[in-house]
Amino acid sequence: MITTIVLIRAQPALIPQAAMKLAGIDGVSAVYSVSGEWDLVAIVKVERYEQIAEVITEHFPLVPGLERTQTLTAFRAYS
């Protein structure tokens, strides 16, 4: 499983709606509202690298209120 963390800046009034819409996208395993520079963090878990591009470049832009994203693909998990 490939894990990708997406940091998201959204229009303040649309944060709750954007979070719910993001959470409904196949491949998105969780969406968190966070403090700091970013408004939301989405955890994307997919089987193939090509699916990362599909989720982030095809589905995320359809979510109203998103202003900017930064995508971080995980190499290893340390628990």
N, C-alpha and C. Protein backbone atom coordinates (compact mmCIF):
# COMPACT_ATOMS: atom_id res chain seq x y z
N MET A 1 0.85 -1.18 0.00
CA MET A 1 0.00 0.00 0.00
C MET A 1 0.89 1.24 0.00
N ILE A 2 0.59 2.19 -0.84
CA ILE A 2 1.34 3.45 -0.94
C ILE A 2 0.57 4.51 -0.18
N THR A 3 1.26 5.19 0.73
CA THR A 3 0.63 6.24 1.53
C THR A 3 1.14 7.60 1.08
N THR A 4 0.22 8.50 0.89
CA THR A 4 0.53 9.86 0.51
C THR A 4 -0.19 10.80 1.47
N ILE A 5 0.53 11.81 1.93
CA ILE A 5 -0.05 12.82 2.81
C ILE A 5 -0.22 14.08 1.98
N VAL A 6 -1.43 14.64 2.00
CA VAL A 6 -1.69 15.85 1.22
C VAL A 6 -2.05 16.98 2.17
N LEU A 7 -1.23 18.03 2.17
CA LEU A 7 -1.49 19.22 2.97
C LEU A 7 -2.36 20.14 2.12
N ILE A 8 -3.41 20.69 2.72
CA ILE A 8 -4.40 21.42 1.94
C ILE A 8 -4.71 22.77 2.57
N ARG A 9 -4.68 23.81 1.76
CA ARG A 9 -5.17 25.12 2.17
C ARG A 9 -6.52 25.31 1.50
N ALA A 10 -7.51 25.74 2.29
CA ALA A 10 -8.86 25.89 1.76
C ALA A 10 -9.45 27.23 2.20
N GLN A 11 -10.49 27.66 1.49
CA GLN A 11 -11.21 28.86 1.88
C GLN A 11 -11.86 28.59 3.23
N PRO A 12 -11.64 29.46 4.21
CA PRO A 12 -12.11 29.20 5.57
C PRO A 12 -13.59 28.81 5.68
N ALA A 13 -14.44 29.47 4.96
CA ALA A 13 -15.89 29.19 5.05
C ALA A 13 -16.25 27.82 4.49
N LEU A 14 -15.38 27.25 3.66
CA LEU A 14 -15.69 25.98 3.00
C LEU A 14 -14.91 24.79 3.56
N ILE A 15 -14.15 25.00 4.63
CA ILE A 15 -13.33 23.91 5.18
C ILE A 15 -14.17 22.68 5.55
N PRO A 16 -15.26 22.82 6.30
CA PRO A 16 -16.02 21.60 6.65
C PRO A 16 -16.58 20.85 5.44
N GLN A 17 -17.11 21.60 4.47
CA GLN A 17 -17.66 20.97 3.27
C GLN A 17 -16.55 20.31 2.44
N ALA A 18 -15.42 20.99 2.32
CA ALA A 18 -14.30 20.43 1.56
C ALA A 18 -13.80 19.14 2.22
N ALA A 19 -13.72 19.14 3.55
CA ALA A 19 -13.25 17.96 4.27
C ALA A 19 -14.18 16.77 4.03
N MET A 20 -15.46 17.00 4.08
CA MET A 20 -16.43 15.92 3.87
C MET A 20 -16.35 15.40 2.44
N LYS A 21 -16.21 16.31 1.48
CA LYS A 21 -16.12 15.91 0.07
C LYS A 21 -14.83 15.11 -0.17
N LEU A 22 -13.73 15.56 0.39
CA LEU A 22 -12.46 14.84 0.25
C LEU A 22 -12.55 13.45 0.86
N ALA A 23 -13.18 13.35 2.02
CA ALA A 23 -13.30 12.07 2.71
C ALA A 23 -14.08 11.05 1.89
N GLY A 24 -14.92 11.51 0.98
CA GLY A 24 -15.72 10.62 0.15
C GLY A 24 -15.02 10.13 -1.11
N ILE A 25 -13.81 10.61 -1.36
CA ILE A 25 -13.07 10.21 -2.56
C ILE A 25 -12.41 8.85 -2.33
N ASP A 26 -12.59 7.94 -3.28
CA ASP A 26 -11.93 6.63 -3.19
C ASP A 26 -10.43 6.82 -3.10
N GLY A 27 -9.82 6.15 -2.15
CA GLY A 27 -8.38 6.26 -1.93
C GLY A 27 -8.03 7.17 -0.76
N VAL A 28 -8.95 8.04 -0.37
CA VAL A 28 -8.71 8.91 0.78
C VAL A 28 -9.15 8.14 2.02
N SER A 29 -8.19 7.84 2.91
CA SER A 29 -8.52 7.05 4.09
C SER A 29 -8.90 7.91 5.28
N ALA A 30 -8.45 9.17 5.33
CA ALA A 30 -8.80 10.06 6.43
C ALA A 30 -8.53 11.50 6.03
N VAL A 31 -9.30 12.40 6.63
CA VAL A 31 -9.09 13.84 6.44
C VAL A 31 -9.12 14.48 7.83
N TYR A 32 -8.12 15.28 8.13
CA TYR A 32 -8.02 15.93 9.43
C TYR A 32 -8.05 17.44 9.27
N SER A 33 -8.77 18.11 10.13
CA SER A 33 -8.71 19.56 10.25
C SER A 33 -7.55 19.85 11.20
N VAL A 34 -6.65 20.74 10.80
CA VAL A 34 -5.44 20.99 11.59
C VAL A 34 -5.20 22.48 11.79
N SER A 35 -4.35 22.80 12.76
CA SER A 35 -3.97 24.18 12.98
C SER A 35 -2.66 24.45 12.25
N GLY A 36 -2.33 25.72 12.12
CA GLY A 36 -1.07 26.08 11.48
C GLY A 36 -1.26 26.59 10.07
N GLU A 37 -0.23 26.44 9.27
CA GLU A 37 -0.20 26.97 7.91
C GLU A 37 -1.23 26.30 7.00
N TRP A 38 -1.55 25.05 7.26
CA TRP A 38 -2.48 24.29 6.43
C TRP A 38 -3.80 24.12 7.17
N ASP A 39 -4.88 23.93 6.42
CA ASP A 39 -6.21 23.80 7.02
C ASP A 39 -6.64 22.35 7.19
N LEU A 40 -6.26 21.51 6.22
CA LEU A 40 -6.65 20.11 6.22
C LEU A 40 -5.45 19.24 5.86
N VAL A 41 -5.47 18.01 6.33
CA VAL A 41 -4.49 17.01 5.92
C VAL A 41 -5.28 15.79 5.49
N ALA A 42 -5.04 15.33 4.26
CA ALA A 42 -5.70 14.12 3.75
C ALA A 42 -4.67 13.01 3.65
N ILE A 43 -5.05 11.83 4.12
CA ILE A 43 -4.20 10.65 4.00
C ILE A 43 -4.76 9.82 2.84
N VAL A 44 -3.94 9.61 1.84
CA VAL A 44 -4.34 8.85 0.65
C VAL A 44 -3.58 7.52 0.67
N LYS A 45 -4.32 6.42 0.56
CA LYS A 45 -3.69 5.09 0.53
C LYS A 45 -4.20 4.37 -0.72
N VAL A 46 -3.25 4.02 -1.59
CA VAL A 46 -3.60 3.38 -2.86
C VAL A 46 -2.65 2.21 -3.12
N GLU A 47 -3.02 1.38 -4.06
CA GLU A 47 -2.21 0.21 -4.40
C GLU A 47 -1.09 0.52 -5.39
N ARG A 48 -1.34 1.47 -6.32
CA ARG A 48 -0.38 1.75 -7.39
C ARG A 48 -0.07 3.25 -7.44
N TYR A 49 1.15 3.58 -7.82
CA TYR A 49 1.56 4.99 -7.90
C TYR A 49 0.67 5.79 -8.85
N GLU A 50 0.21 5.16 -9.93
CA GLU A 50 -0.64 5.86 -10.89
C GLU A 50 -1.92 6.36 -10.23
N GLN A 51 -2.37 5.66 -9.21
CA GLN A 51 -3.60 6.05 -8.53
C GLN A 51 -3.42 7.33 -7.73
N ILE A 52 -2.20 7.63 -7.30
CA ILE A 52 -1.95 8.89 -6.60
C ILE A 52 -2.30 10.04 -7.53
N ALA A 53 -1.79 9.99 -8.75
CA ALA A 53 -2.07 11.04 -9.72
C ALA A 53 -3.56 11.15 -10.01
N GLU A 54 -4.22 10.02 -10.11
CA GLU A 54 -5.66 10.03 -10.38
C GLU A 54 -6.42 10.73 -9.24
N VAL A 55 -6.14 10.34 -8.03
CA VAL A 55 -6.85 10.91 -6.88
C VAL A 55 -6.57 12.40 -6.76
N ILE A 56 -5.30 12.78 -6.82
CA ILE A 56 -4.93 14.16 -6.53
C ILE A 56 -5.12 15.11 -7.70
N THR A 57 -4.86 14.68 -8.91
CA THR A 57 -4.99 15.61 -10.04
C THR A 57 -6.35 15.56 -10.72
N GLU A 58 -7.10 14.48 -10.53
CA GLU A 58 -8.41 14.40 -11.17
C GLU A 58 -9.56 14.65 -10.20
N HIS A 59 -9.46 14.15 -8.97
CA HIS A 59 -10.58 14.26 -8.02
C HIS A 59 -10.47 15.48 -7.10
N PHE A 60 -9.29 15.75 -6.58
CA PHE A 60 -9.14 16.88 -5.66
C PHE A 60 -9.56 18.22 -6.29
N PRO A 61 -9.20 18.51 -7.54
CA PRO A 61 -9.59 19.80 -8.12
C PRO A 61 -11.11 20.00 -8.23
N LEU A 62 -11.88 18.95 -8.13
CA LEU A 62 -13.33 19.06 -8.21
C LEU A 62 -13.96 19.46 -6.87
N VAL A 63 -13.15 19.51 -5.82
CA VAL A 63 -13.66 19.86 -4.49
C VAL A 63 -13.69 21.38 -4.34
N PRO A 64 -14.86 21.97 -4.13
CA PRO A 64 -14.95 23.42 -3.98
C PRO A 64 -14.21 23.92 -2.75
N GLY A 65 -13.53 25.04 -2.90
CA GLY A 65 -12.88 25.70 -1.78
C GLY A 65 -11.40 25.41 -1.62
N LEU A 66 -10.86 24.44 -2.34
CA LEU A 66 -9.43 24.15 -2.21
C LEU A 66 -8.63 25.24 -2.91
N GLU A 67 -7.62 25.75 -2.23
CA GLU A 67 -6.79 26.81 -2.80
C GLU A 67 -5.39 26.32 -3.19
N ARG A 68 -4.85 25.40 -2.38
CA ARG A 68 -3.48 24.94 -2.62
C ARG A 68 -3.28 23.60 -1.94
N THR A 69 -2.44 22.77 -2.55
CA THR A 69 -2.09 21.49 -1.93
C THR A 69 -0.59 21.27 -2.02
N GLN A 70 -0.10 20.46 -1.11
CA GLN A 70 1.29 19.98 -1.18
C GLN A 70 1.23 18.49 -0.89
N THR A 71 1.79 17.71 -1.80
CA THR A 71 1.71 16.25 -1.71
C THR A 71 3.03 15.67 -1.25
N LEU A 72 2.95 14.82 -0.23
CA LEU A 72 4.14 14.15 0.31
C LEU A 72 3.90 12.64 0.23
N THR A 73 4.72 11.95 -0.53
CA THR A 73 4.58 10.51 -0.64
C THR A 73 5.52 9.85 0.37
N ALA A 74 4.97 8.97 1.18
CA ALA A 74 5.75 8.31 2.23
C ALA A 74 6.62 7.22 1.63
N PHE A 75 7.87 7.14 2.11
CA PHE A 75 8.78 6.08 1.71
C PHE A 75 8.74 4.93 2.70
N ARG A 76 8.80 5.26 4.00
CA ARG A 76 8.80 4.25 5.05
C ARG A 76 7.95 4.74 6.21
N ALA A 77 7.41 3.80 6.95
CA ALA A 77 6.68 4.14 8.18
C ALA A 77 7.48 3.66 9.36
N TYR A 78 7.65 4.52 10.32
CA TYR A 78 8.34 4.18 11.57
C TYR A 78 7.32 4.26 12.68
N SER A 79 7.06 3.14 13.31
CA SER A 79 6.07 3.12 14.38
C SER A 79 6.68 2.64 15.67
